[in-house]
Amino acid sequence: MTVSATIAALISWIPDWAATIIISMLPVAELRGAIPLALAPAEVGGYGMAVPEAYFLAVIGNMIPVIPLLLFLGPVSDFLRRWKIGDIFFNWLFTRTHHKHNARFEKYGTLALTLFVAVPLPVTGAWTGCAAAFVFGIEFRHALLAIFTGVLIAGIVVTALTLAGIGIFELF
């Protein structure tokens, strides 16, 4: 059973539209898990939604945590740095991340953030994009626009792949 199907089983008493939003809000699933579940036919455990409805609900759900994350990652980091272990962790994280990825972010700026969020692979999405924006010090409005654009692109890609998968599934 997939992560999305497991989550869907746990929240089966919630209306399909609300479940799609909730699943899109989760850091593990995001819209990469919500759109396939929303578009899949009911016979295979999905919600059988129309494409525009599934896309819109998944994008909205995926964006709900973005503003709080962008606003509060800094204060939470500052709070945790009050303890030695927190300070050590954040110094390690910032140093490691800047060393590995700074050249790309300096060269491409928010475009790199948009593309990072847009790629529908594990550990690339709005949640991780917020963390990257925080680590690289990208201004709130630029980060929000880049992440939103990336979520829109990821939604299109995931929807297209899902529809292709459903089309292939129906051949058999």
Protein backbone atom coordinates (compact mmCIF):
# COMPACT_ATOMS: atom_id res chain seq x y z
CA MET A 1 0.00 0.00 0.00
CA THR A 2 1.37 3.41 -0.96
CA VAL A 3 1.87 6.24 1.49
CA SER A 4 -1.02 8.15 -0.12
CA ALA A 5 -3.35 5.15 0.09
CA THR A 6 -2.41 4.58 3.75
CA ILE A 7 -3.08 8.22 4.58
CA ALA A 8 -6.34 8.08 2.62
CA ALA A 9 -7.46 5.03 4.60
CA LEU A 10 -6.76 6.83 7.87
CA ILE A 11 -8.81 9.85 6.85
CA SER A 12 -11.58 8.03 4.94
CA TRP A 13 -14.28 9.79 6.96
CA ILE A 14 -13.16 13.20 5.65
CA PRO A 15 -14.72 14.47 2.38
CA ASP A 16 -12.58 13.76 -0.69
CA TRP A 17 -11.89 17.45 -1.39
CA ALA A 18 -10.68 18.05 2.18
CA ALA A 19 -8.58 14.87 2.19
CA THR A 20 -6.89 16.03 -1.03
CA ILE A 21 -5.98 19.34 0.61
CA ILE A 22 -4.76 17.65 3.82
CA ILE A 23 -2.61 15.12 1.95
CA SER A 24 -1.10 17.97 -0.11
CA MET A 25 -0.16 19.77 3.09
CA LEU A 26 1.88 16.84 4.44
CA PRO A 27 5.65 17.07 4.00
CA VAL A 28 6.03 13.47 2.82
CA ALA A 29 3.20 13.37 0.28
CA GLU A 30 2.60 16.97 -0.84
CA LEU A 31 0.79 17.21 -4.17
CA ARG A 32 2.89 14.36 -5.53
CA GLY A 33 0.76 12.03 -3.43
CA ALA A 34 -2.52 13.93 -3.46
CA ILE A 35 -3.01 14.31 -7.22
CA PRO A 36 -2.67 10.60 -8.09
CA LEU A 37 -5.06 9.71 -5.27
CA ALA A 38 -7.55 12.40 -6.30
CA LEU A 39 -7.50 11.39 -9.98
CA ALA A 40 -7.50 7.62 -9.52
CA PRO A 41 -10.88 5.97 -10.06
CA ALA A 42 -12.87 4.98 -6.99
CA GLU A 43 -12.64 1.32 -8.05
CA VAL A 44 -8.92 1.36 -7.21
CA GLY A 45 -9.22 3.41 -4.02
CA GLY A 46 -8.99 6.89 -5.47
CA TYR A 47 -11.43 9.77 -5.43
CA GLY A 48 -12.18 9.95 -9.17
CA MET A 49 -12.05 13.76 -9.23
CA ALA A 50 -12.00 15.87 -12.35
CA VAL A 51 -8.54 17.08 -13.36
CA PRO A 52 -9.08 20.81 -12.65
CA GLU A 53 -10.56 20.11 -9.21
CA ALA A 54 -7.76 17.71 -8.21
CA TYR A 55 -5.05 20.10 -9.46
CA PHE A 56 -6.55 23.18 -7.78
CA LEU A 57 -7.13 21.46 -4.41
CA ALA A 58 -3.65 19.90 -4.41
CA VAL A 59 -1.93 23.20 -5.23
CA ILE A 60 -3.90 25.06 -2.55
CA GLY A 61 -3.11 22.35 0.02
CA ASN A 62 0.57 22.29 -0.91
CA MET A 63 0.83 26.07 -0.49
CA ILE A 64 -0.96 26.32 2.89
CA PRO A 65 2.15 25.47 4.97
CA VAL A 66 4.51 27.60 2.86
CA ILE A 67 3.81 31.03 4.38
CA PRO A 68 4.10 29.84 8.01
CA LEU A 69 7.27 27.90 7.15
CA LEU A 70 8.88 30.88 5.44
CA LEU A 71 7.90 33.20 8.28
CA PHE A 72 8.83 30.97 11.22
CA LEU A 73 11.92 28.97 10.18
CA GLY A 74 14.13 31.92 11.18
CA PRO A 75 12.62 32.46 14.64
CA VAL A 76 12.55 28.71 15.33
CA SER A 77 16.21 28.47 14.28
CA ASP A 78 17.11 31.39 16.53
CA PHE A 79 15.22 29.81 19.44
CA LEU A 80 16.95 26.43 18.99
CA ARG A 81 20.36 28.08 18.72
CA ARG A 82 20.06 29.07 22.38
CA TRP A 83 21.26 25.57 23.23
CA LYS A 84 24.69 24.34 22.20
CA ILE A 85 23.36 21.29 20.33
CA GLY A 86 20.99 23.50 18.28
CA ASP A 87 23.78 25.93 17.47
CA ILE A 88 26.09 23.09 16.42
CA PHE A 89 23.36 21.57 14.21
CA PHE A 90 22.47 24.81 12.42
CA ASN A 91 26.14 25.73 11.90
CA TRP A 92 26.71 22.27 10.41
CA LEU A 93 23.58 22.51 8.24
CA PHE A 94 24.35 25.97 6.88
CA THR A 95 28.02 25.21 6.25
CA ARG A 96 27.28 21.90 4.54
CA THR A 97 24.44 23.28 2.42
CA HIS A 98 26.33 26.39 1.36
CA HIS A 99 29.38 24.31 0.46
CA LYS A 100 27.39 21.83 -1.65
CA HIS A 101 24.82 24.08 -3.32
CA ASN A 102 25.79 27.75 -3.02
CA ALA A 103 27.27 28.05 -6.52
CA ARG A 104 23.98 26.98 -8.14
CA PHE A 105 21.87 29.26 -5.98
CA GLU A 106 24.19 32.23 -6.57
CA LYS A 107 24.21 31.64 -10.31
CA TYR A 108 20.50 30.97 -10.82
CA GLY A 109 18.92 32.54 -7.71
CA THR A 110 15.21 32.04 -7.34
CA LEU A 111 15.07 30.15 -10.65
CA ALA A 112 17.07 27.39 -8.95
CA LEU A 113 14.54 27.35 -6.12
CA THR A 114 11.64 27.18 -8.59
CA LEU A 115 13.21 24.28 -10.48
CA PHE A 116 14.09 22.50 -7.24
CA VAL A 117 10.46 22.63 -6.08
CA ALA A 118 9.12 21.79 -9.56
CA VAL A 119 10.95 18.48 -9.87
CA PRO A 120 8.50 15.85 -8.63
CA LEU A 121 10.98 13.62 -6.84
CA PRO A 122 11.31 12.67 -3.17
CA VAL A 123 12.88 15.40 -1.01
CA THR A 124 12.10 18.13 -3.55
CA GLY A 125 8.96 20.09 -2.88
CA ALA A 126 7.48 23.07 -1.12
CA TRP A 127 8.59 22.02 2.38
CA THR A 128 12.19 21.45 1.33
CA GLY A 129 12.03 24.57 -0.85
CA CYS A 130 11.13 26.61 2.25
CA ALA A 131 14.12 25.15 4.07
CA ALA A 132 16.38 25.95 1.10
CA ALA A 133 15.05 29.52 0.92
CA PHE A 134 15.76 29.93 4.62
CA VAL A 135 19.27 28.46 4.43
CA PHE A 136 20.20 30.60 1.42
CA GLY A 137 18.58 33.74 2.81
CA ILE A 138 16.17 34.27 -0.07
CA GLU A 139 13.82 37.17 0.64
CA PHE A 140 10.26 36.16 1.62
CA ARG A 141 8.44 37.50 -1.43
CA HIS A 142 10.95 36.03 -3.87
CA ALA A 143 10.88 32.67 -2.09
CA LEU A 144 7.08 32.63 -2.01
CA LEU A 145 6.82 33.37 -5.74
CA ALA A 146 9.51 30.82 -6.63
CA ILE A 147 7.93 28.09 -4.49
CA PHE A 148 4.43 28.86 -5.81
CA THR A 149 5.67 28.69 -9.41
CA GLY A 150 7.49 25.43 -8.65
CA VAL A 151 4.35 23.95 -7.07
CA LEU A 152 2.30 24.92 -10.15
CA ILE A 153 4.84 23.25 -12.45
CA ALA A 154 5.11 20.15 -10.24
CA GLY A 155 1.30 19.92 -10.24
CA ILE A 156 1.22 19.96 -14.04
CA VAL A 157 3.95 17.32 -14.27
CA VAL A 158 2.36 15.04 -11.66
CA THR A 159 -1.09 15.45 -13.25
CA ALA A 160 0.27 14.58 -16.70
CA LEU A 161 2.17 11.56 -15.37
CA THR A 162 -0.88 10.41 -13.42
CA LEU A 163 -3.16 10.72 -16.42
CA ALA A 164 -0.64 8.83 -18.54
CA GLY A 165 -0.48 6.12 -15.86
CA ILE A 166 -4.25 5.88 -15.63
CA GLY A 167 -4.43 5.67 -19.43
CA ILE A 168 -1.94 2.81 -19.48
CA PHE A 169 -3.75 1.12 -16.58
CA GLU A 170 -7.04 1.24 -18.53
CA LEU A 171 -5.42 -0.58 -21.48
CA PHE A 172 -5.08 -3.72 -19.39
